[in-house]
Amino acid sequence: MAIADDERLFCSGIGMLVGSQSDLEFVGAVHRGDEVRGLVDDARPDVLLMDVRMPGLDGVSATEALLGEGVDRPRVIVLTTHRGEIAVQRALRAGARGFLMKDGTPELLLAAIRTVHDGGTVVAPAEPGSLVRDIPDRPRDDASIAALSRRERDVYLLAARGRSNAEIAAEAFISETTVKSHVSSVLAKLGLASRLQIVAHAWEHGLLG
């Protein structure tokens, strides 16, 4: 695991925290966005914590450039201090696998690293819909989900509001297995890679109003 963040003391703390875990290894840090590629090429981390605001190149642009290469790149978790950060949406669309507030607990950070490493996604605060709560409304674009069936649209909107599979199943009166099937279909039809990208997609197209 590695980190890109301009706060050196914060990076040192993360390094100590990760290094204290028997199943995790801290392999390095950089403090500028334009140093990220060098860190990844040299240290080859599996998971990269990426601050949004850095000198040289902001973390979102660095994420887009890094993941746009599409080959042998780490899973990125975006770090920010602002819940309503519009830039986070770009990072999620670029392929980031997680979103964390920088004032989160050490336990949450460690759990997020492990979850993302294992192929999952993670978002904090707990309700992904809060990512878009403080962002100005966008024009509603229902055509963006025209390819979805009525039931898939229901699941899409619930997932975009941060509902778990169990919660979606209860609200839509379907089984969790069916929910999983619908989510997979939604991702495939919309060309998305994760539930986090469903959040970003719904915001971008004004569908959370």
N, C-alpha and C. Protein backbone atom coordinates (compact mmCIF):
# COMPACT_ATOMS: atom_id res chain seq x y z
N MET A 1 0.83 -1.17 0.00
CA MET A 1 0.00 0.00 0.00
C MET A 1 0.87 1.23 0.00
N ALA A 2 0.43 2.29 -0.70
CA ALA A 2 1.18 3.54 -0.76
C ALA A 2 0.19 4.71 -0.66
N ILE A 3 0.75 5.92 -0.50
CA ILE A 3 -0.10 7.09 -0.36
C ILE A 3 0.48 8.27 -1.13
N ALA A 4 -0.40 9.07 -1.71
CA ALA A 4 -0.02 10.33 -2.34
C ALA A 4 -0.78 11.44 -1.61
N ASP A 5 -0.07 12.26 -0.85
CA ASP A 5 -0.69 13.30 -0.04
C ASP A 5 0.37 14.35 0.28
N ASP A 6 0.00 15.63 0.23
CA ASP A 6 1.00 16.68 0.45
C ASP A 6 1.26 16.94 1.94
N GLU A 7 0.52 16.31 2.83
CA GLU A 7 0.77 16.47 4.26
C GLU A 7 1.72 15.38 4.72
N ARG A 8 2.96 15.75 4.93
CA ARG A 8 3.99 14.76 5.25
C ARG A 8 3.74 14.05 6.57
N LEU A 9 3.27 14.77 7.56
CA LEU A 9 3.00 14.15 8.86
C LEU A 9 1.87 13.14 8.75
N PHE A 10 0.86 13.47 7.96
CA PHE A 10 -0.24 12.54 7.73
C PHE A 10 0.27 11.26 7.07
N CYS A 11 1.12 11.42 6.08
CA CYS A 11 1.70 10.26 5.39
C CYS A 11 2.50 9.38 6.35
N SER A 12 3.26 10.03 7.23
CA SER A 12 4.04 9.27 8.20
C SER A 12 3.14 8.48 9.13
N GLY A 13 2.04 9.10 9.55
CA GLY A 13 1.10 8.41 10.42
C GLY A 13 0.46 7.21 9.73
N ILE A 14 0.12 7.39 8.46
CA ILE A 14 -0.46 6.28 7.70
C ILE A 14 0.56 5.15 7.56
N GLY A 15 1.81 5.53 7.30
CA GLY A 15 2.86 4.53 7.16
C GLY A 15 3.04 3.71 8.43
N MET A 16 3.00 4.39 9.58
CA MET A 16 3.15 3.70 10.86
C MET A 16 1.94 2.79 11.13
N LEU A 17 0.76 3.30 10.82
CA LEU A 17 -0.45 2.52 11.05
C LEU A 17 -0.46 1.25 10.20
N VAL A 18 -0.20 1.41 8.92
CA VAL A 18 -0.21 0.26 8.01
C VAL A 18 0.92 -0.71 8.36
N GLY A 19 2.09 -0.15 8.69
CA GLY A 19 3.22 -0.99 9.03
C GLY A 19 3.02 -1.82 10.28
N SER A 20 2.07 -1.41 11.13
CA SER A 20 1.80 -2.15 12.37
C SER A 20 0.92 -3.38 12.13
N GLN A 21 0.43 -3.52 10.91
CA GLN A 21 -0.47 -4.64 10.59
C GLN A 21 0.31 -5.78 9.93
N SER A 22 0.12 -6.98 10.43
CA SER A 22 0.90 -8.11 9.94
C SER A 22 0.55 -8.49 8.50
N ASP A 23 -0.65 -8.14 8.04
CA ASP A 23 -1.07 -8.53 6.70
C ASP A 23 -0.95 -7.40 5.68
N LEU A 24 -0.43 -6.24 6.10
CA LEU A 24 -0.30 -5.10 5.19
C LEU A 24 1.15 -4.62 5.14
N GLU A 25 1.53 -4.04 4.03
CA GLU A 25 2.89 -3.50 3.88
C GLU A 25 2.82 -2.10 3.29
N PHE A 26 3.51 -1.16 3.92
CA PHE A 26 3.58 0.21 3.42
C PHE A 26 4.82 0.34 2.54
N VAL A 27 4.63 0.74 1.27
CA VAL A 27 5.75 0.73 0.34
C VAL A 27 6.20 2.12 -0.12
N GLY A 28 5.53 3.18 0.35
CA GLY A 28 6.04 4.49 0.00
C GLY A 28 5.00 5.59 -0.05
N ALA A 29 5.51 6.82 -0.16
CA ALA A 29 4.64 8.00 -0.21
C ALA A 29 5.25 9.05 -1.12
N VAL A 30 4.40 9.82 -1.76
CA VAL A 30 4.82 11.02 -2.50
C VAL A 30 3.90 12.14 -2.07
N HIS A 31 4.36 13.37 -2.33
CA HIS A 31 3.64 14.54 -1.81
C HIS A 31 3.20 15.49 -2.91
N ARG A 32 3.32 15.05 -4.15
CA ARG A 32 2.88 15.82 -5.30
C ARG A 32 2.16 14.89 -6.28
N GLY A 33 1.13 15.42 -6.93
CA GLY A 33 0.39 14.60 -7.86
C GLY A 33 1.20 14.14 -9.05
N ASP A 34 2.17 14.96 -9.45
CA ASP A 34 2.97 14.58 -10.62
C ASP A 34 4.07 13.58 -10.28
N GLU A 35 4.12 13.13 -9.01
CA GLU A 35 5.08 12.10 -8.61
C GLU A 35 4.41 10.72 -8.47
N VAL A 36 3.10 10.68 -8.69
CA VAL A 36 2.35 9.44 -8.46
C VAL A 36 2.80 8.32 -9.38
N ARG A 37 2.94 8.61 -10.65
CA ARG A 37 3.30 7.56 -11.60
C ARG A 37 4.66 6.95 -11.25
N GLY A 38 5.61 7.78 -10.85
CA GLY A 38 6.92 7.26 -10.47
C GLY A 38 6.83 6.34 -9.27
N LEU A 39 6.00 6.72 -8.29
CA LEU A 39 5.80 5.88 -7.11
C LEU A 39 5.20 4.53 -7.51
N VAL A 40 4.20 4.57 -8.35
CA VAL A 40 3.53 3.33 -8.77
C VAL A 40 4.48 2.43 -9.56
N ASP A 41 5.25 3.03 -10.47
CA ASP A 41 6.18 2.25 -11.27
C ASP A 41 7.28 1.62 -10.42
N ASP A 42 7.74 2.36 -9.41
CA ASP A 42 8.86 1.87 -8.59
C ASP A 42 8.40 0.90 -7.49
N ALA A 43 7.33 1.28 -6.77
CA ALA A 43 6.92 0.50 -5.60
C ALA A 43 5.84 -0.53 -5.91
N ARG A 44 5.10 -0.32 -6.98
CA ARG A 44 4.05 -1.22 -7.43
C ARG A 44 3.08 -1.61 -6.31
N PRO A 45 2.45 -0.62 -5.67
CA PRO A 45 1.48 -0.92 -4.61
C PRO A 45 0.21 -1.54 -5.18
N ASP A 46 -0.45 -2.35 -4.37
CA ASP A 46 -1.74 -2.91 -4.77
C ASP A 46 -2.87 -1.91 -4.54
N VAL A 47 -2.72 -1.08 -3.49
CA VAL A 47 -3.71 -0.07 -3.15
C VAL A 47 -2.99 1.27 -2.97
N LEU A 48 -3.60 2.32 -3.50
CA LEU A 48 -3.01 3.66 -3.41
C LEU A 48 -4.03 4.62 -2.82
N LEU A 49 -3.68 5.24 -1.70
CA LEU A 49 -4.50 6.31 -1.15
C LEU A 49 -4.14 7.60 -1.88
N MET A 50 -5.15 8.31 -2.39
CA MET A 50 -4.90 9.48 -3.24
C MET A 50 -5.63 10.71 -2.69
N ASP A 51 -4.85 11.68 -2.22
CA ASP A 51 -5.43 12.94 -1.77
C ASP A 51 -5.98 13.71 -2.97
N VAL A 52 -7.07 14.46 -2.78
CA VAL A 52 -7.64 15.22 -3.88
C VAL A 52 -6.79 16.44 -4.21
N ARG A 53 -6.35 17.14 -3.19
CA ARG A 53 -5.67 18.42 -3.40
C ARG A 53 -4.17 18.29 -3.13
N MET A 54 -3.39 18.34 -4.21
CA MET A 54 -1.93 18.27 -4.12
C MET A 54 -1.31 19.22 -5.13
N PRO A 55 -0.08 19.67 -4.87
CA PRO A 55 0.61 20.50 -5.85
C PRO A 55 1.10 19.68 -7.04
N GLY A 56 1.40 20.35 -8.12
CA GLY A 56 1.93 19.69 -9.31
C GLY A 56 0.84 19.15 -10.19
N LEU A 57 0.01 18.30 -9.63
CA LEU A 57 -1.13 17.70 -10.34
C LEU A 57 -2.12 17.28 -9.27
N ASP A 58 -3.38 17.69 -9.42
CA ASP A 58 -4.35 17.33 -8.39
C ASP A 58 -4.60 15.82 -8.43
N GLY A 59 -5.09 15.30 -7.30
CA GLY A 59 -5.26 13.86 -7.17
C GLY A 59 -6.25 13.26 -8.13
N VAL A 60 -7.27 14.05 -8.52
CA VAL A 60 -8.26 13.53 -9.46
C VAL A 60 -7.64 13.35 -10.84
N SER A 61 -6.90 14.37 -11.29
CA SER A 61 -6.24 14.26 -12.59
C SER A 61 -5.22 13.14 -12.57
N ALA A 62 -4.53 12.98 -11.45
CA ALA A 62 -3.55 11.89 -11.33
C ALA A 62 -4.25 10.54 -11.39
N THR A 63 -5.41 10.44 -10.76
CA THR A 63 -6.19 9.19 -10.81
C THR A 63 -6.64 8.88 -12.22
N GLU A 64 -7.17 9.90 -12.92
CA GLU A 64 -7.64 9.70 -14.29
C GLU A 64 -6.50 9.24 -15.19
N ALA A 65 -5.33 9.88 -15.04
CA ALA A 65 -4.18 9.53 -15.88
C ALA A 65 -3.69 8.12 -15.57
N LEU A 66 -3.64 7.80 -14.29
CA LEU A 66 -3.11 6.51 -13.86
C LEU A 66 -4.02 5.36 -14.28
N LEU A 67 -5.29 5.49 -13.97
CA LEU A 67 -6.22 4.39 -14.26
C LEU A 67 -6.61 4.35 -15.72
N GLY A 68 -6.42 5.44 -16.43
CA GLY A 68 -6.70 5.45 -17.86
C GLY A 68 -5.76 4.56 -18.64
N GLU A 69 -4.60 4.25 -18.05
CA GLU A 69 -3.64 3.37 -18.71
C GLU A 69 -4.15 1.93 -18.71
N GLY A 70 -4.96 1.60 -17.68
CA GLY A 70 -5.69 0.34 -17.68
C GLY A 70 -4.89 -0.93 -17.52
N VAL A 71 -3.60 -0.86 -17.28
CA VAL A 71 -2.79 -2.08 -17.19
C VAL A 71 -1.98 -2.07 -15.91
N ASP A 72 -2.18 -3.11 -15.10
CA ASP A 72 -1.35 -3.33 -13.91
C ASP A 72 -1.25 -2.07 -13.06
N ARG A 73 -2.38 -1.47 -12.74
CA ARG A 73 -2.40 -0.28 -11.91
C ARG A 73 -3.07 -0.58 -10.57
N PRO A 74 -2.70 0.16 -9.53
CA PRO A 74 -3.28 -0.12 -8.21
C PRO A 74 -4.74 0.28 -8.12
N ARG A 75 -5.41 -0.25 -7.14
CA ARG A 75 -6.76 0.19 -6.83
C ARG A 75 -6.64 1.48 -6.01
N VAL A 76 -7.38 2.50 -6.41
CA VAL A 76 -7.25 3.82 -5.79
C VAL A 76 -8.38 4.11 -4.82
N ILE A 77 -8.01 4.61 -3.64
CA ILE A 77 -8.98 5.13 -2.68
C ILE A 77 -8.75 6.63 -2.58
N VAL A 78 -9.78 7.41 -2.85
CA VAL A 78 -9.68 8.87 -2.84
C VAL A 78 -9.85 9.39 -1.42
N LEU A 79 -8.99 10.32 -1.03
CA LEU A 79 -9.07 10.96 0.27
C LEU A 79 -9.44 12.43 0.11
N THR A 80 -10.32 12.93 0.96
CA THR A 80 -10.66 14.35 0.90
C THR A 80 -11.10 14.83 2.27
N THR A 81 -11.14 16.13 2.45
CA THR A 81 -11.62 16.73 3.70
C THR A 81 -13.01 17.32 3.53
N HIS A 82 -13.54 17.27 2.31
CA HIS A 82 -14.82 17.91 2.03
C HIS A 82 -15.84 16.89 1.51
N ARG A 83 -16.92 16.71 2.24
CA ARG A 83 -17.93 15.72 1.88
C ARG A 83 -18.53 16.01 0.51
N GLY A 84 -18.77 17.28 0.21
CA GLY A 84 -19.43 17.62 -1.04
C GLY A 84 -18.47 17.88 -2.18
N GLU A 85 -17.27 17.34 -2.11
CA GLU A 85 -16.24 17.58 -3.13
C GLU A 85 -16.69 17.08 -4.50
N ILE A 86 -16.92 18.00 -5.43
CA ILE A 86 -17.35 17.62 -6.77
C ILE A 86 -16.26 16.78 -7.45
N ALA A 87 -15.01 17.07 -7.14
CA ALA A 87 -13.91 16.35 -7.77
C ALA A 87 -13.97 14.86 -7.48
N VAL A 88 -14.53 14.48 -6.34
CA VAL A 88 -14.62 13.06 -6.00
C VAL A 88 -15.43 12.31 -7.06
N GLN A 89 -16.45 12.97 -7.60
CA GLN A 89 -17.27 12.32 -8.62
C GLN A 89 -16.43 11.97 -9.85
N ARG A 90 -15.54 12.87 -10.23
CA ARG A 90 -14.65 12.59 -11.37
C ARG A 90 -13.76 11.40 -11.07
N ALA A 91 -13.26 11.33 -9.86
CA ALA A 91 -12.36 10.24 -9.50
C ALA A 91 -13.10 8.90 -9.54
N LEU A 92 -14.33 8.88 -9.06
CA LEU A 92 -15.10 7.65 -9.10
C LEU A 92 -15.39 7.23 -10.53
N ARG A 93 -15.70 8.20 -11.37
CA ARG A 93 -15.94 7.89 -12.77
C ARG A 93 -14.67 7.40 -13.45
N ALA A 94 -13.53 7.88 -12.98
CA ALA A 94 -12.26 7.46 -13.56
C ALA A 94 -11.88 6.04 -13.16
N GLY A 95 -12.55 5.51 -12.14
CA GLY A 95 -12.27 4.14 -11.74
C GLY A 95 -11.79 3.95 -10.32
N ALA A 96 -11.77 5.01 -9.51
CA ALA A 96 -11.39 4.86 -8.11
C ALA A 96 -12.32 3.87 -7.44
N ARG A 97 -11.79 3.10 -6.50
CA ARG A 97 -12.57 2.04 -5.86
C ARG A 97 -13.06 2.42 -4.47
N GLY A 98 -12.72 3.64 -4.02
CA GLY A 98 -13.17 4.02 -2.69
C GLY A 98 -13.11 5.51 -2.47
N PHE A 99 -13.81 5.95 -1.45
CA PHE A 99 -13.86 7.36 -1.06
C PHE A 99 -13.82 7.41 0.46
N LEU A 100 -12.87 8.14 1.02
CA LEU A 100 -12.74 8.25 2.47
C LEU A 100 -12.55 9.70 2.87
N MET A 101 -13.19 10.08 3.98
CA MET A 101 -12.88 11.36 4.60
C MET A 101 -11.56 11.22 5.37
N LYS A 102 -10.73 12.25 5.33
CA LYS A 102 -9.42 12.15 5.98
C LYS A 102 -9.50 12.13 7.49
N ASP A 103 -10.65 12.50 8.05
CA ASP A 103 -10.78 12.47 9.50
C ASP A 103 -11.43 11.18 9.99
N GLY A 104 -11.48 10.17 9.12
CA GLY A 104 -12.04 8.89 9.52
C GLY A 104 -11.16 8.17 10.54
N THR A 105 -11.68 7.13 11.13
CA THR A 105 -10.94 6.40 12.16
C THR A 105 -9.89 5.48 11.52
N PRO A 106 -8.84 5.16 12.28
CA PRO A 106 -7.84 4.21 11.77
C PRO A 106 -8.46 2.87 11.40
N GLU A 107 -9.43 2.42 12.19
CA GLU A 107 -10.08 1.13 11.92
C GLU A 107 -10.80 1.16 10.58
N LEU A 108 -11.45 2.28 10.28
CA LEU A 108 -12.16 2.41 9.01
C LEU A 108 -11.17 2.40 7.85
N LEU A 109 -10.07 3.12 8.00
CA LEU A 109 -9.06 3.16 6.95
C LEU A 109 -8.50 1.77 6.66
N LEU A 110 -8.14 1.04 7.71
CA LEU A 110 -7.58 -0.30 7.53
C LEU A 110 -8.60 -1.23 6.88
N ALA A 111 -9.85 -1.14 7.31
CA ALA A 111 -10.89 -1.97 6.72
C ALA A 111 -11.08 -1.63 5.25
N ALA A 112 -11.00 -0.33 4.92
CA ALA A 112 -11.17 0.10 3.53
C ALA A 112 -10.04 -0.43 2.66
N ILE A 113 -8.82 -0.36 3.15
CA ILE A 113 -7.67 -0.85 2.39
C ILE A 113 -7.83 -2.35 2.10
N ARG A 114 -8.23 -3.10 3.11
CA ARG A 114 -8.38 -4.55 2.93
C ARG A 114 -9.53 -4.86 1.97
N THR A 115 -10.61 -4.13 2.11
CA THR A 115 -11.78 -4.36 1.25
C THR A 115 -11.45 -4.08 -0.20
N VAL A 116 -10.81 -2.96 -0.45
CA VAL A 116 -10.46 -2.59 -1.83
C VAL A 116 -9.41 -3.53 -2.38
N HIS A 117 -8.46 -3.93 -1.56
CA HIS A 117 -7.44 -4.88 -2.00
C HIS A 117 -8.08 -6.18 -2.46
N ASP A 118 -9.15 -6.58 -1.76
CA ASP A 118 -9.82 -7.84 -2.08
C ASP A 118 -10.82 -7.71 -3.23
N GLY A 119 -10.86 -6.53 -3.85
CA GLY A 119 -11.73 -6.35 -5.01
C GLY A 119 -13.04 -5.65 -4.74
N GLY A 120 -13.27 -5.25 -3.49
CA GLY A 120 -14.51 -4.58 -3.15
C GLY A 120 -14.41 -3.07 -3.33
N THR A 121 -15.47 -2.39 -2.97
CA THR A 121 -15.49 -0.93 -2.99
C THR A 121 -15.92 -0.45 -1.61
N VAL A 122 -15.57 0.78 -1.28
CA VAL A 122 -15.90 1.30 0.04
C VAL A 122 -16.14 2.80 -0.07
N VAL A 123 -17.08 3.28 0.72
CA VAL A 123 -17.36 4.71 0.73
C VAL A 123 -17.66 5.14 2.16
N ALA A 124 -17.16 6.29 2.54
CA ALA A 124 -17.46 6.88 3.85
C ALA A 124 -17.67 8.37 3.63
N PRO A 125 -18.65 8.98 4.25
CA PRO A 125 -19.53 8.42 5.25
C PRO A 125 -20.37 7.26 4.75
N ALA A 126 -21.07 6.62 5.68
CA ALA A 126 -21.72 5.34 5.40
C ALA A 126 -22.73 5.41 4.27
N GLU A 127 -23.36 6.57 4.06
CA GLU A 127 -24.39 6.68 3.03
C GLU A 127 -23.83 7.33 1.78
N PRO A 128 -23.60 6.59 0.69
CA PRO A 128 -23.04 7.16 -0.51
C PRO A 128 -23.81 8.35 -1.03
N GLY A 129 -25.13 8.41 -0.79
CA GLY A 129 -25.91 9.55 -1.24
C GLY A 129 -25.42 10.86 -0.67
N SER A 130 -24.74 10.81 0.50
CA SER A 130 -24.24 12.04 1.09
C SER A 130 -23.13 12.66 0.26
N LEU A 131 -22.54 11.87 -0.64
CA LEU A 131 -21.52 12.43 -1.53
C LEU A 131 -22.09 13.54 -2.40
N VAL A 132 -23.36 13.48 -2.67
CA VAL A 132 -23.95 14.43 -3.60
C VAL A 132 -24.91 15.39 -2.91
N ARG A 133 -25.05 15.29 -1.62
CA ARG A 133 -26.05 16.09 -0.92
C ARG A 133 -25.77 17.58 -1.02
N ASP A 134 -24.52 17.97 -0.97
CA ASP A 134 -24.18 19.39 -0.93
C ASP A 134 -23.78 19.94 -2.29
N ILE A 135 -24.00 19.19 -3.36
CA ILE A 135 -23.58 19.61 -4.69
C ILE A 135 -24.78 20.15 -5.46
N PRO A 136 -24.63 21.27 -6.18
CA PRO A 136 -25.76 21.85 -6.89
C PRO A 136 -26.43 20.85 -7.83
N ASP A 137 -27.75 21.03 -7.99
CA ASP A 137 -28.51 20.15 -8.87
C ASP A 137 -28.02 20.24 -10.30
N ARG A 138 -28.14 19.12 -11.02
CA ARG A 138 -27.85 19.07 -12.44
C ARG A 138 -29.13 18.76 -13.20
N PRO A 139 -29.21 19.14 -14.47
CA PRO A 139 -30.41 18.84 -15.26
C PRO A 139 -30.67 17.34 -15.28
N ARG A 140 -31.92 16.97 -15.10
CA ARG A 140 -32.26 15.55 -15.09
C ARG A 140 -32.19 14.98 -16.49
N ASP A 141 -31.52 13.83 -16.60
CA ASP A 141 -31.33 13.19 -17.90
C ASP A 141 -31.79 11.74 -17.82
N ASP A 142 -33.09 11.54 -17.97
CA ASP A 142 -33.63 10.18 -17.89
C ASP A 142 -33.16 9.31 -19.05
N ALA A 143 -32.78 9.94 -20.16
CA ALA A 143 -32.33 9.17 -21.32
C ALA A 143 -31.06 8.39 -21.00
N SER A 144 -30.32 8.84 -20.00
CA SER A 144 -29.06 8.17 -19.65
C SER A 144 -29.28 6.76 -19.11
N ILE A 145 -30.50 6.46 -18.65
CA ILE A 145 -30.78 5.11 -18.15
C ILE A 145 -31.90 4.45 -18.96
N ALA A 146 -32.09 4.91 -20.18
CA ALA A 146 -33.15 4.37 -21.04
C ALA A 146 -32.95 2.89 -21.33
N ALA A 147 -31.71 2.43 -21.28
CA ALA A 147 -31.42 1.02 -21.60
C ALA A 147 -31.86 0.08 -20.48
N LEU A 148 -32.18 0.61 -19.31
CA LEU A 148 -32.54 -0.23 -18.18
C LEU A 148 -34.02 -0.57 -18.19
N SER A 149 -34.33 -1.75 -17.71
CA SER A 149 -35.73 -2.12 -17.53
C SER A 149 -36.30 -1.36 -16.34
N ARG A 150 -37.60 -1.42 -16.16
CA ARG A 150 -38.21 -0.69 -15.05
C ARG A 150 -37.65 -1.17 -13.71
N ARG A 151 -37.53 -2.47 -13.54
CA ARG A 151 -36.99 -2.99 -12.28
C ARG A 151 -35.53 -2.62 -12.10
N GLU A 152 -34.77 -2.65 -13.19
CA GLU A 152 -33.36 -2.26 -13.10
C GLU A 152 -33.23 -0.79 -12.72
N ARG A 153 -34.14 0.05 -13.21
CA ARG A 153 -34.11 1.47 -12.83
C ARG A 153 -34.38 1.62 -11.34
N ASP A 154 -35.31 0.85 -10.82
CA ASP A 154 -35.60 0.91 -9.39
C ASP A 154 -34.35 0.55 -8.58
N VAL A 155 -33.69 -0.53 -8.98
CA VAL A 155 -32.49 -0.97 -8.28
C VAL A 155 -31.36 0.05 -8.44
N TYR A 156 -31.22 0.60 -9.63
CA TYR A 156 -30.21 1.63 -9.90
C TYR A 156 -30.38 2.80 -8.95
N LEU A 157 -31.59 3.32 -8.81
CA LEU A 157 -31.83 4.50 -7.99
C LEU A 157 -31.62 4.21 -6.51
N LEU A 158 -31.99 3.02 -6.08
CA LEU A 158 -31.76 2.65 -4.68
C LEU A 158 -30.27 2.49 -4.41
N ALA A 159 -29.56 1.84 -5.34
CA ALA A 159 -28.11 1.69 -5.18
C ALA A 159 -27.42 3.04 -5.17
N ALA A 160 -27.90 3.97 -6.00
CA ALA A 160 -27.31 5.31 -6.07
C ALA A 160 -27.50 6.08 -4.78
N ARG A 161 -28.50 5.69 -4.01
CA ARG A 161 -28.75 6.35 -2.72
C ARG A 161 -28.07 5.61 -1.57
N GLY A 162 -27.25 4.63 -1.90
CA GLY A 162 -26.45 3.97 -0.89
C GLY A 162 -27.10 2.82 -0.18
N ARG A 163 -28.21 2.30 -0.71
CA ARG A 163 -28.86 1.17 -0.07
C ARG A 163 -28.03 -0.10 -0.25
N SER A 164 -28.00 -0.93 0.77
CA SER A 164 -27.34 -2.23 0.68
C SER A 164 -28.22 -3.18 -0.11
N ASN A 165 -27.67 -4.34 -0.48
CA ASN A 165 -28.47 -5.34 -1.18
C ASN A 165 -29.70 -5.75 -0.38
N ALA A 166 -29.52 -5.91 0.93
CA ALA A 166 -30.63 -6.30 1.79
C ALA A 166 -31.71 -5.22 1.81
N GLU A 167 -31.28 -3.97 1.89
CA GLU A 167 -32.25 -2.87 1.92
C GLU A 167 -32.99 -2.74 0.59
N ILE A 168 -32.25 -2.91 -0.51
CA ILE A 168 -32.89 -2.86 -1.83
C ILE A 168 -33.91 -3.98 -1.96
N ALA A 169 -33.52 -5.16 -1.51
CA ALA A 169 -34.42 -6.31 -1.60
C ALA A 169 -35.71 -6.04 -0.83
N ALA A 170 -35.57 -5.45 0.37
CA ALA A 170 -36.75 -5.17 1.20
C ALA A 170 -37.64 -4.11 0.56
N GLU A 171 -37.03 -3.06 0.03
CA GLU A 171 -37.81 -1.96 -0.55
C GLU A 171 -38.44 -2.33 -1.88
N ALA A 172 -37.75 -3.18 -2.65
CA ALA A 172 -38.25 -3.53 -3.98
C ALA A 172 -39.02 -4.85 -3.99
N PHE A 173 -39.09 -5.52 -2.81
CA PHE A 173 -39.82 -6.79 -2.67
C PHE A 173 -39.28 -7.86 -3.62
N ILE A 174 -37.96 -7.98 -3.63
CA ILE A 174 -37.30 -9.01 -4.42
C ILE A 174 -36.21 -9.64 -3.55
N SER A 175 -35.64 -10.74 -3.99
CA SER A 175 -34.60 -11.41 -3.22
C SER A 175 -33.26 -10.71 -3.40
N GLU A 176 -32.35 -10.95 -2.46
CA GLU A 176 -31.01 -10.37 -2.58
C GLU A 176 -30.28 -10.92 -3.80
N THR A 177 -30.54 -12.18 -4.12
CA THR A 177 -29.93 -12.75 -5.32
C THR A 177 -30.39 -12.01 -6.57
N THR A 178 -31.66 -11.66 -6.61
CA THR A 178 -32.19 -10.90 -7.75
C THR A 178 -31.59 -9.50 -7.77
N VAL A 179 -31.41 -8.91 -6.60
CA VAL A 179 -30.77 -7.58 -6.53
C VAL A 179 -29.38 -7.64 -7.15
N LYS A 180 -28.61 -8.63 -6.76
CA LYS A 180 -27.25 -8.77 -7.28
C LYS A 180 -27.27 -8.92 -8.80
N SER A 181 -28.22 -9.70 -9.30
CA SER A 181 -28.35 -9.89 -10.74
C SER A 181 -28.68 -8.58 -11.44
N HIS A 182 -29.60 -7.80 -10.86
CA HIS A 182 -29.98 -6.52 -11.45
C HIS A 182 -28.81 -5.53 -11.42
N VAL A 183 -28.07 -5.50 -10.31
CA VAL A 183 -26.92 -4.59 -10.21
C VAL A 183 -25.89 -4.93 -11.28
N SER A 184 -25.63 -6.21 -11.47
CA SER A 184 -24.67 -6.62 -12.50
C SER A 184 -25.15 -6.20 -13.88
N SER A 185 -26.44 -6.32 -14.12
CA SER A 185 -27.00 -5.93 -15.41
C SER A 185 -26.91 -4.42 -15.61
N VAL A 186 -27.19 -3.66 -14.55
CA VAL A 186 -27.09 -2.20 -14.61
C VAL A 186 -25.67 -1.77 -14.95
N LEU A 187 -24.70 -2.36 -14.27
CA LEU A 187 -23.29 -2.01 -14.52
C LEU A 187 -22.92 -2.31 -15.96
N ALA A 188 -23.34 -3.45 -16.46
CA ALA A 188 -23.01 -3.85 -17.82
C ALA A 188 -23.66 -2.93 -18.85
N LYS A 189 -24.92 -2.64 -18.66
CA LYS A 189 -25.64 -1.81 -19.63
C LYS A 189 -25.15 -0.37 -19.67
N LEU A 190 -24.73 0.15 -18.51
CA LEU A 190 -24.29 1.55 -18.44
C LEU A 190 -22.78 1.70 -18.58
N GLY A 191 -22.07 0.58 -18.71
CA GLY A 191 -20.62 0.64 -18.86
C GLY A 191 -19.91 1.11 -17.61
N LEU A 192 -20.43 0.72 -16.45
CA LEU A 192 -19.85 1.12 -15.18
C LEU A 192 -19.12 -0.06 -14.55
N ALA A 193 -18.21 0.26 -13.61
CA ALA A 193 -17.38 -0.80 -13.03
C ALA A 193 -17.71 -1.12 -11.59
N SER A 194 -18.46 -0.28 -10.91
CA SER A 194 -18.71 -0.50 -9.49
C SER A 194 -19.96 0.25 -9.04
N ARG A 195 -20.42 -0.08 -7.84
CA ARG A 195 -21.57 0.62 -7.26
C ARG A 195 -21.24 2.09 -7.00
N LEU A 196 -19.98 2.37 -6.69
CA LEU A 196 -19.59 3.76 -6.50
C LEU A 196 -19.79 4.55 -7.79
N GLN A 197 -19.52 3.91 -8.91
CA GLN A 197 -19.72 4.61 -10.18
C GLN A 197 -21.20 4.81 -10.47
N ILE A 198 -22.06 3.98 -9.90
CA ILE A 198 -23.50 4.22 -10.03
C ILE A 198 -23.86 5.53 -9.32
N VAL A 199 -23.27 5.76 -8.15
CA VAL A 199 -23.49 7.02 -7.42
C VAL A 199 -23.08 8.20 -8.29
N ALA A 200 -21.88 8.12 -8.85
CA ALA A 200 -21.37 9.21 -9.67
C ALA A 200 -22.23 9.41 -10.91
N HIS A 201 -22.63 8.32 -11.54
CA HIS A 201 -23.45 8.39 -12.76
C HIS A 201 -24.79 9.06 -12.46
N ALA A 202 -25.41 8.67 -11.35
CA ALA A 202 -26.71 9.25 -11.00
C ALA A 202 -26.59 10.74 -10.73
N TRP A 203 -25.51 11.13 -10.07
CA TRP A 203 -25.30 12.56 -9.82
C TRP A 203 -25.08 13.32 -11.13
N GLU A 204 -24.21 12.80 -11.97
CA GLU A 204 -23.87 13.47 -13.21
C GLU A 204 -25.11 13.72 -14.08
N HIS A 205 -26.09 12.82 -13.99
CA HIS A 205 -27.25 12.92 -14.85
C HIS A 205 -28.50 13.42 -14.12
N GLY A 206 -28.28 14.00 -12.92
CA GLY A 206 -29.38 14.64 -12.21
C GLY A 206 -30.50 13.73 -11.78
N LEU A 207 -30.17 12.48 -11.44
CA LEU A 207 -31.21 11.49 -11.16
C LEU A 207 -31.44 11.24 -9.67
N LEU A 208 -30.80 12.04 -8.82
CA LEU A 208 -30.97 11.85 -7.38
C LEU A 208 -31.89 12.88 -6.76
N GLY A 209 -32.53 13.70 -7.57
CA GLY A 209 -33.42 14.73 -7.05
C GLY A 209 -34.71 14.16 -6.50
